[in-house]
Amino acid sequence: MRWFWLLGLTLAAWEDLRSRELPYRIFWIWLIPGIGNAIADGVWMHLGSASVGAGMLLISWVTGGALGAGDGLFFLLSACYLDPGETLLLFLLTLGSSCAWSMAVILRNCMTTENRRNKTIPFLACAWLPGLWLVCR
């Protein structure tokens, strides 16, 4: 099931990189096996994992979409596949990856005259390497 989760992450990361939006059909394809996995593993364990995604959705709502709702939905659905520690670790590693990407953009902006001020960082693309590490470890 983890490889199926990684396939969903790969599709979501690609769409986030390509269009900065996530089509909801990706989530529907990913949801049904995830619910089955959560039921098989025990729903209570996965409810703790859902807090990361629920928190991100709340932040998205409060900030008017500054943090994408698709990112929150991704972490909410990941809760069906990962335990709470793995979900939190994935979130923290993704934050670190997006921080490194942001710093690279800032440094490039300082070194060139190109204005990249309004560029956004695709958060799920930053989650791909940590996700691969979680699946392979």
N, C-alpha and C. Protein backbone atom coordinates (compact mmCIF):
# COMPACT_ATOMS: atom_id res chain seq x y z
N MET A 1 0.83 -1.20 0.00
CA MET A 1 0.00 0.00 0.00
C MET A 1 0.87 1.26 0.00
N ARG A 2 2.04 1.18 0.59
CA ARG A 2 2.91 2.36 0.62
C ARG A 2 3.36 2.77 -0.77
N TRP A 3 3.59 1.79 -1.64
CA TRP A 3 3.99 2.12 -3.01
C TRP A 3 2.83 2.78 -3.76
N PHE A 4 1.61 2.35 -3.46
CA PHE A 4 0.44 3.00 -4.06
C PHE A 4 0.35 4.44 -3.55
N TRP A 5 0.63 4.64 -2.26
CA TRP A 5 0.64 5.99 -1.69
C TRP A 5 1.70 6.85 -2.39
N LEU A 6 2.89 6.28 -2.63
CA LEU A 6 3.95 7.01 -3.31
C LEU A 6 3.56 7.34 -4.74
N LEU A 7 2.84 6.46 -5.41
CA LEU A 7 2.35 6.75 -6.76
C LEU A 7 1.40 7.94 -6.72
N GLY A 8 0.50 7.96 -5.74
CA GLY A 8 -0.40 9.11 -5.59
C GLY A 8 0.36 10.40 -5.29
N LEU A 9 1.37 10.31 -4.45
CA LEU A 9 2.21 11.47 -4.16
C LEU A 9 2.92 11.95 -5.42
N THR A 10 3.42 11.02 -6.22
CA THR A 10 4.12 11.38 -7.45
C THR A 10 3.19 12.12 -8.40
N LEU A 11 1.97 11.61 -8.57
CA LEU A 11 1.00 12.29 -9.44
C LEU A 11 0.65 13.68 -8.90
N ALA A 12 0.43 13.77 -7.60
CA ALA A 12 0.09 15.05 -6.99
C ALA A 12 1.25 16.04 -7.09
N ALA A 13 2.47 15.56 -6.86
CA ALA A 13 3.64 16.44 -6.94
C ALA A 13 3.84 16.94 -8.37
N TRP A 14 3.63 16.06 -9.35
CA TRP A 14 3.77 16.46 -10.75
C TRP A 14 2.74 17.53 -11.10
N GLU A 15 1.50 17.32 -10.69
CA GLU A 15 0.45 18.32 -10.97
C GLU A 15 0.74 19.63 -10.25
N ASP A 16 1.27 19.55 -9.04
CA ASP A 16 1.60 20.76 -8.28
C ASP A 16 2.74 21.53 -8.98
N LEU A 17 3.71 20.81 -9.49
CA LEU A 17 4.80 21.45 -10.22
C LEU A 17 4.31 22.06 -11.54
N ARG A 18 3.47 21.30 -12.24
CA ARG A 18 3.03 21.70 -13.57
C ARG A 18 2.05 22.85 -13.55
N SER A 19 1.04 22.77 -12.71
CA SER A 19 -0.05 23.75 -12.77
C SER A 19 -0.32 24.49 -11.47
N ARG A 20 0.39 24.13 -10.40
CA ARG A 20 0.20 24.74 -9.08
C ARG A 20 -1.21 24.49 -8.53
N GLU A 21 -1.90 23.52 -9.09
CA GLU A 21 -3.23 23.12 -8.62
C GLU A 21 -3.29 21.60 -8.62
N LEU A 22 -4.15 21.07 -7.78
CA LEU A 22 -4.32 19.63 -7.72
C LEU A 22 -5.74 19.27 -8.11
N PRO A 23 -5.91 18.49 -9.18
CA PRO A 23 -7.26 18.05 -9.53
C PRO A 23 -7.79 17.06 -8.49
N TYR A 24 -9.04 17.22 -8.15
CA TYR A 24 -9.60 16.38 -7.09
C TYR A 24 -9.74 14.93 -7.50
N ARG A 25 -9.70 14.62 -8.80
CA ARG A 25 -9.81 13.22 -9.21
C ARG A 25 -8.63 12.40 -8.68
N ILE A 26 -7.47 13.03 -8.52
CA ILE A 26 -6.32 12.32 -7.94
C ILE A 26 -6.68 11.86 -6.53
N PHE A 27 -7.33 12.73 -5.78
CA PHE A 27 -7.67 12.38 -4.40
C PHE A 27 -8.72 11.28 -4.34
N TRP A 28 -9.68 11.28 -5.25
CA TRP A 28 -10.71 10.25 -5.23
C TRP A 28 -10.14 8.88 -5.56
N ILE A 29 -9.21 8.82 -6.51
CA ILE A 29 -8.58 7.56 -6.87
C ILE A 29 -7.77 7.02 -5.69
N TRP A 30 -7.21 7.92 -4.94
CA TRP A 30 -6.34 7.59 -3.83
C TRP A 30 -7.11 7.29 -2.54
N LEU A 31 -8.33 7.81 -2.43
CA LEU A 31 -9.08 7.73 -1.18
C LEU A 31 -9.61 6.33 -0.88
N ILE A 32 -10.18 5.66 -1.86
CA ILE A 32 -10.84 4.37 -1.62
C ILE A 32 -9.86 3.32 -1.06
N PRO A 33 -8.71 3.07 -1.71
CA PRO A 33 -7.77 2.11 -1.10
C PRO A 33 -7.25 2.59 0.26
N GLY A 34 -7.12 3.91 0.43
CA GLY A 34 -6.65 4.45 1.71
C GLY A 34 -7.61 4.16 2.84
N ILE A 35 -8.89 4.30 2.57
CA ILE A 35 -9.89 4.00 3.61
C ILE A 35 -9.83 2.51 3.96
N GLY A 36 -9.69 1.67 2.94
CA GLY A 36 -9.54 0.23 3.21
C GLY A 36 -8.32 -0.07 4.05
N ASN A 37 -7.22 0.59 3.76
CA ASN A 37 -6.00 0.40 4.53
C ASN A 37 -6.17 0.88 5.97
N ALA A 38 -6.83 2.02 6.15
CA ALA A 38 -7.04 2.54 7.50
C ALA A 38 -7.93 1.61 8.31
N ILE A 39 -8.94 1.04 7.68
CA ILE A 39 -9.82 0.10 8.39
C ILE A 39 -9.05 -1.16 8.76
N ALA A 40 -8.22 -1.64 7.84
CA ALA A 40 -7.44 -2.86 8.10
C ALA A 40 -6.43 -2.65 9.23
N ASP A 41 -5.80 -1.48 9.27
CA ASP A 41 -4.78 -1.19 10.29
C ASP A 41 -5.38 -0.80 11.64
N GLY A 42 -6.56 -0.27 11.63
CA GLY A 42 -7.17 0.27 12.84
C GLY A 42 -7.36 1.77 12.68
N VAL A 43 -8.60 2.18 12.67
CA VAL A 43 -8.94 3.57 12.36
C VAL A 43 -8.37 4.53 13.40
N TRP A 44 -8.31 4.14 14.65
CA TRP A 44 -7.89 5.08 15.70
C TRP A 44 -6.45 5.56 15.51
N MET A 45 -5.60 4.66 15.03
CA MET A 45 -4.21 5.06 14.79
C MET A 45 -4.15 6.13 13.70
N HIS A 46 -4.95 5.98 12.68
CA HIS A 46 -4.90 6.89 11.55
C HIS A 46 -5.58 8.23 11.85
N LEU A 47 -6.44 8.26 12.84
CA LEU A 47 -7.06 9.54 13.21
C LEU A 47 -6.03 10.52 13.75
N GLY A 48 -5.04 10.03 14.47
CA GLY A 48 -3.97 10.90 14.95
C GLY A 48 -3.16 11.46 13.80
N SER A 49 -2.96 10.67 12.77
CA SER A 49 -2.23 11.14 11.59
C SER A 49 -2.99 12.24 10.86
N ALA A 50 -4.28 12.19 10.92
CA ALA A 50 -5.11 13.16 10.19
C ALA A 50 -4.99 14.57 10.75
N SER A 51 -4.47 14.72 11.95
CA SER A 51 -4.39 16.06 12.55
C SER A 51 -3.47 16.99 11.76
N VAL A 52 -2.44 16.46 11.13
CA VAL A 52 -1.54 17.31 10.33
C VAL A 52 -2.30 17.89 9.14
N GLY A 53 -3.00 17.04 8.40
CA GLY A 53 -3.78 17.51 7.26
C GLY A 53 -4.91 18.43 7.66
N ALA A 54 -5.59 18.09 8.76
CA ALA A 54 -6.68 18.94 9.23
C ALA A 54 -6.16 20.31 9.65
N GLY A 55 -5.00 20.34 10.29
CA GLY A 55 -4.39 21.62 10.67
C GLY A 55 -4.02 22.45 9.44
N MET A 56 -3.50 21.78 8.42
CA MET A 56 -3.15 22.50 7.19
C MET A 56 -4.39 23.05 6.49
N LEU A 57 -5.47 22.27 6.49
CA LEU A 57 -6.72 22.76 5.90
C LEU A 57 -7.26 23.95 6.67
N LEU A 58 -7.14 23.92 7.99
CA LEU A 58 -7.57 25.04 8.81
C LEU A 58 -6.74 26.29 8.50
N ILE A 59 -5.43 26.13 8.38
CA ILE A 59 -4.56 27.27 8.04
C ILE A 59 -4.91 27.80 6.66
N SER A 60 -5.20 26.91 5.71
CA SER A 60 -5.59 27.34 4.37
C SER A 60 -6.86 28.16 4.42
N TRP A 61 -7.81 27.73 5.22
CA TRP A 61 -9.08 28.44 5.34
C TRP A 61 -8.89 29.80 6.01
N VAL A 62 -8.13 29.84 7.09
CA VAL A 62 -7.91 31.08 7.84
C VAL A 62 -7.14 32.11 7.00
N THR A 63 -6.15 31.64 6.21
CA THR A 63 -5.33 32.57 5.43
C THR A 63 -5.90 32.86 4.05
N GLY A 64 -7.06 32.35 3.76
CA GLY A 64 -7.67 32.61 2.47
C GLY A 64 -6.95 31.91 1.32
N GLY A 65 -6.32 30.81 1.58
CA GLY A 65 -5.67 30.03 0.54
C GLY A 65 -4.19 30.29 0.38
N ALA A 66 -3.57 31.02 1.30
CA ALA A 66 -2.12 31.25 1.22
C ALA A 66 -1.38 29.91 1.24
N LEU A 67 -1.84 29.01 2.06
CA LEU A 67 -1.38 27.62 2.03
C LEU A 67 -2.45 26.87 1.25
N GLY A 68 -2.07 26.15 0.22
CA GLY A 68 -3.05 25.49 -0.63
C GLY A 68 -3.86 24.43 0.09
N ALA A 69 -5.14 24.39 -0.20
CA ALA A 69 -6.02 23.37 0.38
C ALA A 69 -5.63 21.98 -0.12
N GLY A 70 -5.09 21.90 -1.33
CA GLY A 70 -4.66 20.61 -1.86
C GLY A 70 -3.55 19.99 -1.04
N ASP A 71 -2.67 20.84 -0.50
CA ASP A 71 -1.59 20.33 0.37
C ASP A 71 -2.19 19.72 1.64
N GLY A 72 -3.17 20.39 2.20
CA GLY A 72 -3.84 19.86 3.39
C GLY A 72 -4.58 18.57 3.09
N LEU A 73 -5.24 18.52 1.92
CA LEU A 73 -5.94 17.29 1.54
C LEU A 73 -4.96 16.14 1.34
N PHE A 74 -3.80 16.45 0.77
CA PHE A 74 -2.78 15.42 0.60
C PHE A 74 -2.39 14.82 1.95
N PHE A 75 -2.11 15.65 2.93
CA PHE A 75 -1.70 15.15 4.24
C PHE A 75 -2.86 14.46 4.96
N LEU A 76 -4.07 14.92 4.71
CA LEU A 76 -5.24 14.27 5.28
C LEU A 76 -5.40 12.86 4.71
N LEU A 77 -5.24 12.72 3.41
CA LEU A 77 -5.33 11.40 2.79
C LEU A 77 -4.13 10.52 3.13
N SER A 78 -2.98 11.13 3.31
CA SER A 78 -1.80 10.36 3.70
C SER A 78 -2.00 9.70 5.05
N ALA A 79 -2.86 10.26 5.86
CA ALA A 79 -3.15 9.68 7.17
C ALA A 79 -3.75 8.29 7.04
N CYS A 80 -4.38 7.99 5.91
CA CYS A 80 -4.94 6.65 5.70
C CYS A 80 -3.84 5.62 5.45
N TYR A 81 -2.67 6.06 5.07
CA TYR A 81 -1.58 5.16 4.72
C TYR A 81 -0.44 5.15 5.73
N LEU A 82 -0.25 6.25 6.46
CA LEU A 82 0.91 6.40 7.34
C LEU A 82 0.47 6.49 8.80
N ASP A 83 1.34 6.09 9.71
CA ASP A 83 1.03 6.25 11.13
C ASP A 83 1.36 7.69 11.55
N PRO A 84 0.94 8.10 12.76
CA PRO A 84 1.13 9.50 13.16
C PRO A 84 2.58 9.98 13.13
N GLY A 85 3.52 9.15 13.57
CA GLY A 85 4.92 9.55 13.56
C GLY A 85 5.44 9.76 12.15
N GLU A 86 5.05 8.88 11.24
CA GLU A 86 5.50 9.02 9.85
C GLU A 86 4.89 10.25 9.19
N THR A 87 3.64 10.53 9.49
CA THR A 87 2.99 11.71 8.91
C THR A 87 3.66 12.98 9.40
N LEU A 88 3.94 13.05 10.68
CA LEU A 88 4.62 14.22 11.23
C LEU A 88 6.03 14.34 10.67
N LEU A 89 6.75 13.22 10.57
CA LEU A 89 8.10 13.23 10.00
C LEU A 89 8.06 13.69 8.54
N LEU A 90 7.11 13.19 7.78
CA LEU A 90 6.96 13.61 6.38
C LEU A 90 6.71 15.10 6.29
N PHE A 91 5.84 15.61 7.15
CA PHE A 91 5.53 17.04 7.14
C PHE A 91 6.78 17.87 7.47
N LEU A 92 7.51 17.47 8.50
CA LEU A 92 8.71 18.22 8.89
C LEU A 92 9.80 18.16 7.83
N LEU A 93 10.00 16.99 7.23
CA LEU A 93 10.99 16.87 6.16
C LEU A 93 10.58 17.67 4.93
N THR A 94 9.28 17.71 4.65
CA THR A 94 8.78 18.51 3.53
C THR A 94 8.98 19.99 3.81
N LEU A 95 8.76 20.42 5.04
CA LEU A 95 9.04 21.81 5.40
C LEU A 95 10.51 22.14 5.19
N GLY A 96 11.39 21.23 5.58
CA GLY A 96 12.82 21.44 5.37
C GLY A 96 13.17 21.53 3.89
N SER A 97 12.58 20.67 3.08
CA SER A 97 12.84 20.70 1.64
C SER A 97 12.33 21.99 1.02
N SER A 98 11.15 22.42 1.42
CA SER A 98 10.60 23.66 0.85
C SER A 98 11.40 24.87 1.34
N CYS A 99 11.95 24.80 2.54
CA CYS A 99 12.81 25.88 3.04
C CYS A 99 14.08 25.96 2.20
N ALA A 100 14.68 24.81 1.90
CA ALA A 100 15.89 24.80 1.07
C ALA A 100 15.59 25.34 -0.33
N TRP A 101 14.45 24.94 -0.91
CA TRP A 101 14.06 25.42 -2.23
C TRP A 101 13.84 26.93 -2.19
N SER A 102 13.19 27.41 -1.14
CA SER A 102 12.94 28.85 -1.00
C SER A 102 14.25 29.63 -0.89
N MET A 103 15.18 29.10 -0.13
CA MET A 103 16.48 29.77 0.00
C MET A 103 17.21 29.82 -1.34
N ALA A 104 17.10 28.76 -2.12
CA ALA A 104 17.73 28.75 -3.44
C ALA A 104 17.09 29.81 -4.34
N VAL A 105 15.78 29.96 -4.27
CA VAL A 105 15.09 30.98 -5.06
C VAL A 105 15.52 32.37 -4.61
N ILE A 106 15.63 32.58 -3.31
CA ILE A 106 16.05 33.88 -2.78
C ILE A 106 17.48 34.20 -3.22
N LEU A 107 18.38 33.22 -3.11
CA LEU A 107 19.76 33.44 -3.54
C LEU A 107 19.85 33.72 -5.04
N ARG A 108 19.08 33.00 -5.81
CA ARG A 108 19.08 33.25 -7.26
C ARG A 108 18.55 34.64 -7.56
N ASN A 109 17.54 35.05 -6.84
CA ASN A 109 16.96 36.38 -7.03
C ASN A 109 17.99 37.46 -6.68
N CYS A 110 18.80 37.22 -5.67
CA CYS A 110 19.83 38.19 -5.29
C CYS A 110 20.95 38.25 -6.32
N MET A 111 21.24 37.14 -6.98
CA MET A 111 22.36 37.08 -7.92
C MET A 111 21.99 37.52 -9.34
N THR A 112 20.71 37.55 -9.65
CA THR A 112 20.27 37.95 -10.99
C THR A 112 19.33 39.14 -10.88
N THR A 113 19.01 39.70 -11.99
CA THR A 113 18.05 40.81 -12.01
C THR A 113 16.63 40.32 -12.24
N GLU A 114 16.48 39.02 -12.40
CA GLU A 114 15.15 38.45 -12.64
C GLU A 114 14.28 38.61 -11.40
N ASN A 115 13.07 39.07 -11.60
CA ASN A 115 12.15 39.26 -10.49
C ASN A 115 11.35 37.98 -10.27
N ARG A 116 11.63 37.28 -9.20
CA ARG A 116 10.93 36.05 -8.86
C ARG A 116 10.13 36.24 -7.58
N ARG A 117 9.77 37.46 -7.31
CA ARG A 117 9.14 37.82 -6.06
C ARG A 117 7.80 37.13 -5.83
N ASN A 118 7.00 36.99 -6.85
CA ASN A 118 5.67 36.42 -6.70
C ASN A 118 5.61 34.93 -7.04
N LYS A 119 6.74 34.29 -7.12
CA LYS A 119 6.77 32.86 -7.40
C LYS A 119 6.36 32.08 -6.15
N THR A 120 5.71 30.97 -6.38
CA THR A 120 5.32 30.11 -5.27
C THR A 120 6.13 28.82 -5.32
N ILE A 121 6.25 28.19 -4.19
CA ILE A 121 6.98 26.93 -4.08
C ILE A 121 5.94 25.81 -4.04
N PRO A 122 6.03 24.84 -4.95
CA PRO A 122 5.08 23.72 -4.93
C PRO A 122 5.40 22.78 -3.76
N PHE A 123 4.58 22.83 -2.74
CA PHE A 123 4.84 22.12 -1.49
C PHE A 123 4.89 20.60 -1.69
N LEU A 124 3.99 20.07 -2.50
CA LEU A 124 3.98 18.61 -2.68
C LEU A 124 5.17 18.12 -3.47
N ALA A 125 5.73 18.96 -4.32
CA ALA A 125 6.96 18.56 -5.00
C ALA A 125 8.09 18.41 -3.99
N CYS A 126 8.04 19.23 -2.95
CA CYS A 126 9.04 19.12 -1.87
C CYS A 126 8.81 17.88 -1.01
N ALA A 127 7.61 17.31 -1.08
CA ALA A 127 7.29 16.12 -0.28
C ALA A 127 7.72 14.83 -0.96
N TRP A 128 8.09 14.91 -2.25
CA TRP A 128 8.35 13.69 -2.98
C TRP A 128 9.59 12.95 -2.46
N LEU A 129 10.71 13.62 -2.30
CA LEU A 129 11.92 12.95 -1.80
C LEU A 129 11.74 12.40 -0.39
N PRO A 130 11.18 13.19 0.55
CA PRO A 130 10.92 12.60 1.86
C PRO A 130 9.95 11.42 1.81
N GLY A 131 8.97 11.49 0.91
CA GLY A 131 8.03 10.39 0.75
C GLY A 131 8.71 9.13 0.23
N LEU A 132 9.60 9.30 -0.74
CA LEU A 132 10.36 8.17 -1.26
C LEU A 132 11.22 7.56 -0.15
N TRP A 133 11.84 8.42 0.65
CA TRP A 133 12.65 7.92 1.76
C TRP A 133 11.80 7.13 2.75
N LEU A 134 10.58 7.62 3.05
CA LEU A 134 9.71 6.90 3.99
C LEU A 134 9.33 5.53 3.47
N VAL A 135 9.06 5.44 2.17
CA VAL A 135 8.65 4.15 1.60
C VAL A 135 9.81 3.16 1.55
N CYS A 136 11.01 3.67 1.24
CA CYS A 136 12.16 2.78 1.06
C CYS A 136 12.88 2.40 2.35
N ARG A 137 12.66 3.10 3.43
CA ARG A 137 13.44 2.82 4.64
C ARG A 137 13.04 1.53 5.30
